[in-house]
């Protein structure tokens, strides 16, 4: 991937190459690109996260594969990359969310939570003896400012987005979003778009049984995971 001259600069996270690159951060991004595709969409009065949990073998219990996590009542995240790294970040995020409730007696804002997570990510790119987190997160939630969706990077950078993808099919999914995303779409229309892009970009046949979908609506500000029967009903209509 990189010329031989790069080897002097990719052994420690704290060493910049002459052209200003941190190779370990770039390698962490490659780990994300090899991960399962996860998508986030903000629609009218809410937002959703979706990922395809296609299994390499029928010997694996699908319920044991978790790619979407609830952080607090009003916020959750989808992951791609190293799931163990993602779990560490999710645990940290849950603690920060509870600290906010205890200290200030109100739910943490989605922007503040994202900054806290990304500050931790950035710290792991700055000190010797550590490595960057090999995972990206899509953080979705609803607070007093409305529905917010953020995409985070292993470097600690983050961007607020209306629709985004992380993982192996990021480029292909976002090309579809560029053409078809509608900020005024209904919940059901957003779900159909999510199913459409996952079916187009999945490595294996995508069915409602392999999908994991969670959503939040502004009216109740509650992050919920969709049940199998709900998914089956809407997935059949999207064909």
C-alpha atoms as a PDB file:
ATOM      1  CA  UNK A   1       0.000   0.000   0.000  1.00  0.00           C
ATOM      2  CA  UNK A   2       2.743   2.436   0.954  1.00  0.00           C
ATOM      3  CA  UNK A   3       6.327   2.731  -0.352  1.00  0.00           C
ATOM      4  CA  UNK A   4       9.213   1.232   1.583  1.00  0.00           C
ATOM      5  CA  UNK A   5      10.221   4.658   2.872  1.00  0.00           C
ATOM      6  CA  UNK A   6       7.020   4.766   4.901  1.00  0.00           C
ATOM      7  CA  UNK A   7       8.134   1.921   7.185  1.00  0.00           C
ATOM      8  CA  UNK A   8      10.222   4.278   9.301  1.00  0.00           C
ATOM      9  CA  UNK A   9       7.081   6.228  10.218  1.00  0.00           C
ATOM     10  CA  UNK A  10       4.380   3.588  10.718  1.00  0.00           C
ATOM     11  CA  UNK A  11       5.751   1.829  13.797  1.00  0.00           C
ATOM     12  CA  UNK A  12       4.667   4.457  16.330  1.00  0.00           C
ATOM     13  CA  UNK A  13       1.451   6.425  16.474  1.00  0.00           C
ATOM     14  CA  UNK A  14       3.243   9.585  17.605  1.00  0.00           C
ATOM     15  CA  UNK A  15       5.520   9.906  14.557  1.00  0.00           C
ATOM     16  CA  UNK A  16       4.426  11.970  11.561  1.00  0.00           C
ATOM     17  CA  UNK A  17       5.747  11.128   8.126  1.00  0.00           C
ATOM     18  CA  UNK A  18       7.475  13.964   6.214  1.00  0.00           C
ATOM     19  CA  UNK A  19       4.244  14.644   4.297  1.00  0.00           C
ATOM     20  CA  UNK A  20       2.213  14.994   7.517  1.00  0.00           C
ATOM     21  CA  UNK A  21       0.573  11.565   7.721  1.00  0.00           C
ATOM     22  CA  UNK A  22      -0.063   9.290  10.701  1.00  0.00           C
ATOM     23  CA  UNK A  23       0.078   5.867   9.121  1.00  0.00           C
ATOM     24  CA  UNK A  24      -1.444   4.037  12.093  1.00  0.00           C
ATOM     25  CA  UNK A  25      -4.564   6.204  11.780  1.00  0.00           C
ATOM     26  CA  UNK A  26      -4.754   5.403   8.083  1.00  0.00           C
ATOM     27  CA  UNK A  27      -4.413   1.694   8.846  1.00  0.00           C
ATOM     28  CA  UNK A  28      -7.280   2.015  11.351  1.00  0.00           C
ATOM     29  CA  UNK A  29      -9.407   3.499   8.567  1.00  0.00           C
ATOM     30  CA  UNK A  30      -8.598   0.450   6.452  1.00  0.00           C
ATOM     31  CA  UNK A  31      -9.982  -1.751   9.258  1.00  0.00           C
ATOM     32  CA  UNK A  32     -13.230   0.229   9.067  1.00  0.00           C
ATOM     33  CA  UNK A  33     -13.394  -0.221   5.289  1.00  0.00           C
ATOM     34  CA  UNK A  34     -13.291  -3.993   5.789  1.00  0.00           C
ATOM     35  CA  UNK A  35     -16.200  -3.909   8.222  1.00  0.00           C
ATOM     36  CA  UNK A  36     -19.908  -4.513   7.711  1.00  0.00           C
ATOM     37  CA  UNK A  37     -21.774  -1.664   6.065  1.00  0.00           C
ATOM     38  CA  UNK A  38     -23.907   0.400   8.433  1.00  0.00           C
ATOM     39  CA  UNK A  39     -26.079   3.340   7.424  1.00  0.00           C
ATOM     40  CA  UNK A  40     -27.826   6.238   9.091  1.00  0.00           C
ATOM     41  CA  UNK A  41     -30.669   8.366   7.724  1.00  0.00           C
ATOM     42  CA  UNK A  42     -32.369  11.433   9.164  1.00  0.00           C
ATOM     43  CA  UNK A  43     -35.974  11.711   7.997  1.00  0.00           C
ATOM     44  CA  UNK A  44     -38.815  14.066   8.850  1.00  0.00           C
ATOM     45  CA  UNK A  45     -39.212  14.059  12.659  1.00  0.00           C
ATOM     46  CA  UNK A  46     -36.712  11.289  13.323  1.00  0.00           C
ATOM     47  CA  UNK A  47     -33.828   9.120  12.186  1.00  0.00           C
ATOM     48  CA  UNK A  48     -32.750   5.496  11.818  1.00  0.00           C
ATOM     49  CA  UNK A  49     -29.691   3.244  11.821  1.00  0.00           C
ATOM     50  CA  UNK A  50     -29.490   0.001   9.855  1.00  0.00           C
ATOM     51  CA  UNK A  51     -26.956  -2.734   9.184  1.00  0.00           C
ATOM     52  CA  UNK A  52     -26.971  -6.138   7.513  1.00  0.00           C
ATOM     53  CA  UNK A  53     -25.826  -8.959   9.805  1.00  0.00           C
ATOM     54  CA  UNK A  54     -25.324 -11.574   7.088  1.00  0.00           C
ATOM     55  CA  UNK A  55     -23.568 -14.548   8.690  1.00  0.00           C
ATOM     56  CA  UNK A  56     -20.707 -16.540   7.122  1.00  0.00           C
ATOM     57  CA  UNK A  57     -22.092 -19.766   8.580  1.00  0.00           C
ATOM     58  CA  UNK A  58     -25.410 -21.010   9.934  1.00  0.00           C
ATOM     59  CA  UNK A  59     -23.585 -22.196  13.066  1.00  0.00           C
ATOM     60  CA  UNK A  60     -23.514 -18.637  14.438  1.00  0.00           C
ATOM     61  CA  UNK A  61     -26.444 -17.362  16.480  1.00  0.00           C
ATOM     62  CA  UNK A  62     -27.475 -14.083  14.806  1.00  0.00           C
ATOM     63  CA  UNK A  63     -28.670 -12.677  18.140  1.00  0.00           C
ATOM     64  CA  UNK A  64     -25.075 -12.757  19.413  1.00  0.00           C
ATOM     65  CA  UNK A  65     -23.915 -10.369  16.651  1.00  0.00           C
ATOM     66  CA  UNK A  66     -24.455  -6.791  17.767  1.00  0.00           C
ATOM     67  CA  UNK A  67     -23.669  -3.853  15.481  1.00  0.00           C
ATOM     68  CA  UNK A  68     -26.204  -1.320  16.805  1.00  0.00           C
ATOM     69  CA  UNK A  69     -26.004  -0.283  20.447  1.00  0.00           C
ATOM     70  CA  UNK A  70     -28.267   1.751  22.704  1.00  0.00           C
ATOM     71  CA  UNK A  71     -26.241   4.325  24.665  1.00  0.00           C
ATOM     72  CA  UNK A  72     -28.991   6.135  26.558  1.00  0.00           C
ATOM     73  CA  UNK A  73     -32.763   6.376  26.281  1.00  0.00           C
ATOM     74  CA  UNK A  74     -32.534   8.962  23.471  1.00  0.00           C
ATOM     75  CA  UNK A  75     -29.351   7.972  21.617  1.00  0.00           C
ATOM     76  CA  UNK A  76     -27.595   4.979  20.065  1.00  0.00           C
ATOM     77  CA  UNK A  77     -24.837   4.120  17.621  1.00  0.00           C
ATOM     78  CA  UNK A  78     -24.045   1.793  14.729  1.00  0.00           C
ATOM     79  CA  UNK A  79     -20.503   0.495  14.270  1.00  0.00           C
ATOM     80  CA  UNK A  80     -18.207  -0.803  11.571  1.00  0.00           C
ATOM     81  CA  UNK A  81     -14.687  -2.145  11.924  1.00  0.00           C
ATOM     82  CA  UNK A  82     -13.338  -3.893  15.013  1.00  0.00           C
ATOM     83  CA  UNK A  83     -16.389  -4.661  17.129  1.00  0.00           C
ATOM     84  CA  UNK A  84     -14.322  -5.106  20.305  1.00  0.00           C
ATOM     85  CA  UNK A  85     -12.997  -1.556  19.893  1.00  0.00           C
ATOM     86  CA  UNK A  86     -16.545  -0.343  19.305  1.00  0.00           C
ATOM     87  CA  UNK A  87     -17.759  -1.972  22.531  1.00  0.00           C
ATOM     88  CA  UNK A  88     -15.061  -0.117  24.472  1.00  0.00           C
ATOM     89  CA  UNK A  89     -16.266   3.196  23.020  1.00  0.00           C
ATOM     90  CA  UNK A  90     -19.916   2.342  23.647  1.00  0.00           C
ATOM     91  CA  UNK A  91     -19.163   1.550  27.291  1.00  0.00           C
ATOM     92  CA  UNK A  92     -17.364   4.882  27.638  1.00  0.00           C
ATOM     93  CA  UNK A  93     -20.288   6.694  25.979  1.00  0.00           C
ATOM     94  CA  UNK A  94     -22.820   5.067  28.322  1.00  0.00           C
ATOM     95  CA  UNK A  95     -20.826   6.167  31.369  1.00  0.00           C
ATOM     96  CA  UNK A  96     -20.572   9.749  30.059  1.00  0.00           C
ATOM     97  CA  UNK A  97     -24.317   9.830  29.375  1.00  0.00           C
ATOM     98  CA  UNK A  98     -25.096   8.703  32.927  1.00  0.00           C
ATOM     99  CA  UNK A  99     -22.656  11.212  34.397  1.00  0.00           C
ATOM    100  CA  UNK A 100     -24.517  13.982  32.592  1.00  0.00           C
ATOM    101  CA  UNK A 101     -27.839  12.808  34.029  1.00  0.00           C
ATOM    102  CA  UNK A 102     -26.455  12.572  37.556  1.00  0.00           C
ATOM    103  CA  UNK A 103     -24.589  15.904  37.463  1.00  0.00           C
ATOM    104  CA  UNK A 104     -27.146  18.032  35.601  1.00  0.00           C
ATOM    105  CA  UNK A 105     -30.392  16.029  35.790  1.00  0.00           C
ATOM    106  CA  UNK A 106     -30.983  16.042  32.042  1.00  0.00           C
ATOM    107  CA  UNK A 107     -30.024  13.830  29.077  1.00  0.00           C
ATOM    108  CA  UNK A 108     -26.727  14.508  27.364  1.00  0.00           C
ATOM    109  CA  UNK A 109     -26.957  16.347  24.035  1.00  0.00           C
ATOM    110  CA  UNK A 110     -26.018  14.332  20.953  1.00  0.00           C
ATOM    111  CA  UNK A 111     -23.310  16.830  19.986  1.00  0.00           C
ATOM    112  CA  UNK A 112     -21.723  16.756  23.454  1.00  0.00           C
ATOM    113  CA  UNK A 113     -21.734  12.958  23.531  1.00  0.00           C
ATOM    114  CA  UNK A 114     -20.132  12.813  20.085  1.00  0.00           C
ATOM    115  CA  UNK A 115     -17.401  15.230  21.162  1.00  0.00           C
ATOM    116  CA  UNK A 116     -16.688  13.163  24.276  1.00  0.00           C
ATOM    117  CA  UNK A 117     -16.311   9.976  22.221  1.00  0.00           C
ATOM    118  CA  UNK A 118     -14.139  11.675  19.613  1.00  0.00           C
ATOM    119  CA  UNK A 119     -11.932  13.285  22.270  1.00  0.00           C
ATOM    120  CA  UNK A 120     -11.164   9.766  23.522  1.00  0.00           C
ATOM    121  CA  UNK A 121     -10.488   8.588  19.973  1.00  0.00           C
ATOM    122  CA  UNK A 122      -8.133  11.504  19.375  1.00  0.00           C
ATOM    123  CA  UNK A 123      -6.242  10.816  22.616  1.00  0.00           C
ATOM    124  CA  UNK A 124      -5.406   7.339  21.340  1.00  0.00           C
ATOM    125  CA  UNK A 125      -3.691   8.882  18.293  1.00  0.00           C
ATOM    126  CA  UNK A 126      -1.420  11.106  20.391  1.00  0.00           C
ATOM    127  CA  UNK A 127       0.349   9.000  23.030  1.00  0.00           C
ATOM    128  CA  UNK A 128       2.957   6.264  22.736  1.00  0.00           C
ATOM    129  CA  UNK A 129       2.035   2.724  23.757  1.00  0.00           C
ATOM    130  CA  UNK A 130      -1.486   2.985  22.333  1.00  0.00           C
ATOM    131  CA  UNK A 131      -3.109   2.488  18.967  1.00  0.00           C
ATOM    132  CA  UNK A 132      -6.108   4.167  17.316  1.00  0.00           C
ATOM    133  CA  UNK A 133      -9.537   2.585  17.674  1.00  0.00           C
ATOM    134  CA  UNK A 134     -10.148   0.553  14.528  1.00  0.00           C
ATOM    135  CA  UNK A 135     -13.804   1.458  14.354  1.00  0.00           C
ATOM    136  CA  UNK A 136     -16.108   4.163  13.052  1.00  0.00           C
ATOM    137  CA  UNK A 137     -19.437   5.071  14.615  1.00  0.00           C
ATOM    138  CA  UNK A 138     -22.680   6.542  13.363  1.00  0.00           C
ATOM    139  CA  UNK A 139     -24.220   8.258  16.396  1.00  0.00           C
ATOM    140  CA  UNK A 140     -27.951   8.983  16.207  1.00  0.00           C
ATOM    141  CA  UNK A 141     -30.212  10.604  18.752  1.00  0.00           C
ATOM    142  CA  UNK A 142     -32.888  13.162  19.438  1.00  0.00           C
ATOM    143  CA  UNK A 143     -32.557  16.043  21.921  1.00  0.00           C
ATOM    144  CA  UNK A 144     -34.051  19.515  22.344  1.00  0.00           C
ATOM    145  CA  UNK A 145     -32.352  20.633  19.102  1.00  0.00           C
ATOM    146  CA  UNK A 146     -34.009  17.862  17.066  1.00  0.00           C
ATOM    147  CA  UNK A 147     -32.681  14.687  15.464  1.00  0.00           C
ATOM    148  CA  UNK A 148     -28.915  14.613  15.044  1.00  0.00           C
ATOM    149  CA  UNK A 149     -26.723  12.144  13.163  1.00  0.00           C
ATOM    150  CA  UNK A 150     -22.913  12.188  13.393  1.00  0.00           C
ATOM    151  CA  UNK A 151     -20.267  10.173  11.572  1.00  0.00           C
ATOM    152  CA  UNK A 152     -17.027   9.615  13.493  1.00  0.00           C
ATOM    153  CA  UNK A 153     -13.588   8.617  12.253  1.00  0.00           C
ATOM    154  CA  UNK A 154     -10.717   6.676  13.945  1.00  0.00           C
ATOM    155  CA  UNK A 155      -8.743   9.952  14.035  1.00  0.00           C
ATOM    156  CA  UNK A 156     -11.330  11.539  16.332  1.00  0.00           C
ATOM    157  CA  UNK A 157     -12.802  13.737  13.608  1.00  0.00           C
ATOM    158  CA  UNK A 158     -16.588  13.901  13.322  1.00  0.00           C
ATOM    159  CA  UNK A 159     -19.145  15.373  10.947  1.00  0.00           C
ATOM    160  CA  UNK A 160     -22.860  15.998  11.302  1.00  0.00           C
ATOM    161  CA  UNK A 161     -24.708  14.432   8.370  1.00  0.00           C
ATOM    162  CA  UNK A 162     -28.257  13.824   7.123  1.00  0.00           C
ATOM    163  CA  UNK A 163     -27.477  10.435   5.582  1.00  0.00           C
ATOM    164  CA  UNK A 164     -24.231   8.482   5.689  1.00  0.00           C
ATOM    165  CA  UNK A 165     -22.633   5.055   5.544  1.00  0.00           C
ATOM    166  CA  UNK A 166     -19.602   3.444   7.132  1.00  0.00           C
ATOM    167  CA  UNK A 167     -17.930   0.163   6.271  1.00  0.00           C
ATOM    168  CA  UNK A 168     -17.107  -1.721   3.104  1.00  0.00           C
ATOM    169  CA  UNK A 169     -19.769  -0.213   0.828  1.00  0.00           C
ATOM    170  CA  UNK A 170     -19.561   3.382   2.046  1.00  0.00           C
ATOM    171  CA  UNK A 171     -18.847   4.867  -1.392  1.00  0.00           C
ATOM    172  CA  UNK A 172     -21.598   2.951  -3.207  1.00  0.00           C
ATOM    173  CA  UNK A 173     -24.241   3.701  -0.557  1.00  0.00           C
ATOM    174  CA  UNK A 174     -23.471   7.405  -0.417  1.00  0.00           C
ATOM    175  CA  UNK A 175     -23.690   7.644  -4.212  1.00  0.00           C
ATOM    176  CA  UNK A 176     -27.267   6.353  -3.918  1.00  0.00           C
ATOM    177  CA  UNK A 177     -27.996   8.768  -1.060  1.00  0.00           C
ATOM    178  CA  UNK A 178     -26.754  11.687  -3.179  1.00  0.00           C
ATOM    179  CA  UNK A 179     -29.416  10.866  -5.772  1.00  0.00           C
ATOM    180  CA  UNK A 180     -32.320   9.618  -3.658  1.00  0.00           C
ATOM    181  CA  UNK A 181     -32.126  11.081  -0.155  1.00  0.00           C
ATOM    182  CA  UNK A 182     -35.132  13.224   0.789  1.00  0.00           C
ATOM    183  CA  UNK A 183     -35.017  15.138   4.106  1.00  0.00           C
ATOM    184  CA  UNK A 184     -38.824  15.258   4.144  1.00  0.00           C
ATOM    185  CA  UNK A 185     -39.233  11.506   3.744  1.00  0.00           C
ATOM    186  CA  UNK A 186     -41.515   9.598   6.082  1.00  0.00           C
ATOM    187  CA  UNK A 187     -40.252   6.911   8.437  1.00  0.00           C
ATOM    188  CA  UNK A 188     -41.479   4.156   6.116  1.00  0.00           C
ATOM    189  CA  UNK A 189     -39.901   5.770   3.027  1.00  0.00           C
ATOM    190  CA  UNK A 190     -36.574   6.096   4.861  1.00  0.00           C
ATOM    191  CA  UNK A 191     -36.766   2.415   5.818  1.00  0.00           C
ATOM    192  CA  UNK A 192     -37.416   1.421   2.218  1.00  0.00           C
ATOM    193  CA  UNK A 193     -34.382   3.443   1.102  1.00  0.00           C
ATOM    194  CA  UNK A 194     -32.269   1.770   3.798  1.00  0.00           C
ATOM    195  CA  UNK A 195     -33.382  -1.688   2.673  1.00  0.00           C
ATOM    196  CA  UNK A 196     -32.752  -0.779  -0.959  1.00  0.00           C
ATOM    197  CA  UNK A 197     -29.141   0.269  -0.452  1.00  0.00           C
ATOM    198  CA  UNK A 198     -28.319  -2.654   1.833  1.00  0.00           C
ATOM    199  CA  UNK A 199     -29.764  -5.134  -0.664  1.00  0.00           C
ATOM    200  CA  UNK A 200     -27.713  -3.552  -3.455  1.00  0.00           C
ATOM    201  CA  UNK A 201     -24.444  -3.489  -1.547  1.00  0.00           C
ATOM    202  CA  UNK A 202     -24.647  -6.613   0.639  1.00  0.00           C
ATOM    203  CA  UNK A 203     -22.200  -9.438  -0.042  1.00  0.00           C
ATOM    204  CA  UNK A 204     -24.938 -12.056   0.375  1.00  0.00           C
ATOM    205  CA  UNK A 205     -28.697 -12.085   0.036  1.00  0.00           C
ATOM    206  CA  UNK A 206     -30.228  -9.574   2.436  1.00  0.00           C
ATOM    207  CA  UNK A 207     -33.489 -10.511   4.146  1.00  0.00           C
ATOM    208  CA  UNK A 208     -35.458  -9.065   7.029  1.00  0.00           C
ATOM    209  CA  UNK A 209     -33.897 -11.798   9.199  1.00  0.00           C
ATOM    210  CA  UNK A 210     -30.365 -10.478   8.611  1.00  0.00           C
ATOM    211  CA  UNK A 211     -31.229  -6.828   9.167  1.00  0.00           C
ATOM    212  CA  UNK A 212     -30.730  -4.883  12.364  1.00  0.00           C
ATOM    213  CA  UNK A 213     -32.620  -1.576  12.488  1.00  0.00           C
ATOM    214  CA  UNK A 214     -33.069   0.988  15.249  1.00  0.00           C
ATOM    215  CA  UNK A 215     -34.751   4.365  15.166  1.00  0.00           C
ATOM    216  CA  UNK A 216     -35.610   7.447  17.194  1.00  0.00           C
ATOM    217  CA  UNK A 217     -38.610   9.741  16.785  1.00  0.00           C
ATOM    218  CA  UNK A 218     -38.696  13.348  17.969  1.00  0.00           C
ATOM    219  CA  UNK A 219     -42.147  12.946  19.519  1.00  0.00           C
ATOM    220  CA  UNK A 220     -40.932  10.594  22.265  1.00  0.00           C
ATOM    221  CA  UNK A 221     -37.114  10.872  21.958  1.00  0.00           C
ATOM    222  CA  UNK A 222     -36.700   7.153  22.578  1.00  0.00           C
ATOM    223  CA  UNK A 223     -34.114   5.007  20.781  1.00  0.00           C
ATOM    224  CA  UNK A 224     -35.786   1.717  19.844  1.00  0.00           C
ATOM    225  CA  UNK A 225     -34.817  -1.436  17.965  1.00  0.00           C
ATOM    226  CA  UNK A 226     -37.291  -2.794  15.416  1.00  0.00           C
ATOM    227  CA  UNK A 227     -38.725  -6.256  15.973  1.00  0.00           C
ATOM    228  CA  UNK A 228     -38.655  -9.041  13.387  1.00  0.00           C
ATOM    229  CA  UNK A 229     -42.365  -8.806  12.569  1.00  0.00           C
ATOM    230  CA  UNK A 230     -42.133  -5.042  11.956  1.00  0.00           C
ATOM    231  CA  UNK A 231     -39.131  -5.561   9.689  1.00  0.00           C
ATOM    232  CA  UNK A 232     -40.828  -8.383   7.780  1.00  0.00           C
ATOM    233  CA  UNK A 233     -43.909  -6.272   7.073  1.00  0.00           C
ATOM    234  CA  UNK A 234     -42.012  -3.234   5.739  1.00  0.00           C
ATOM    235  CA  UNK A 235     -39.249  -5.219   4.021  1.00  0.00           C
ATOM    236  CA  UNK A 236     -41.810  -7.090   1.918  1.00  0.00           C
ATOM    237  CA  UNK A 237     -43.268  -3.783   0.723  1.00  0.00           C
ATOM    238  CA  UNK A 238     -39.839  -2.505  -0.381  1.00  0.00           C
ATOM    239  CA  UNK A 239     -39.427  -5.184  -3.052  1.00  0.00           C
END
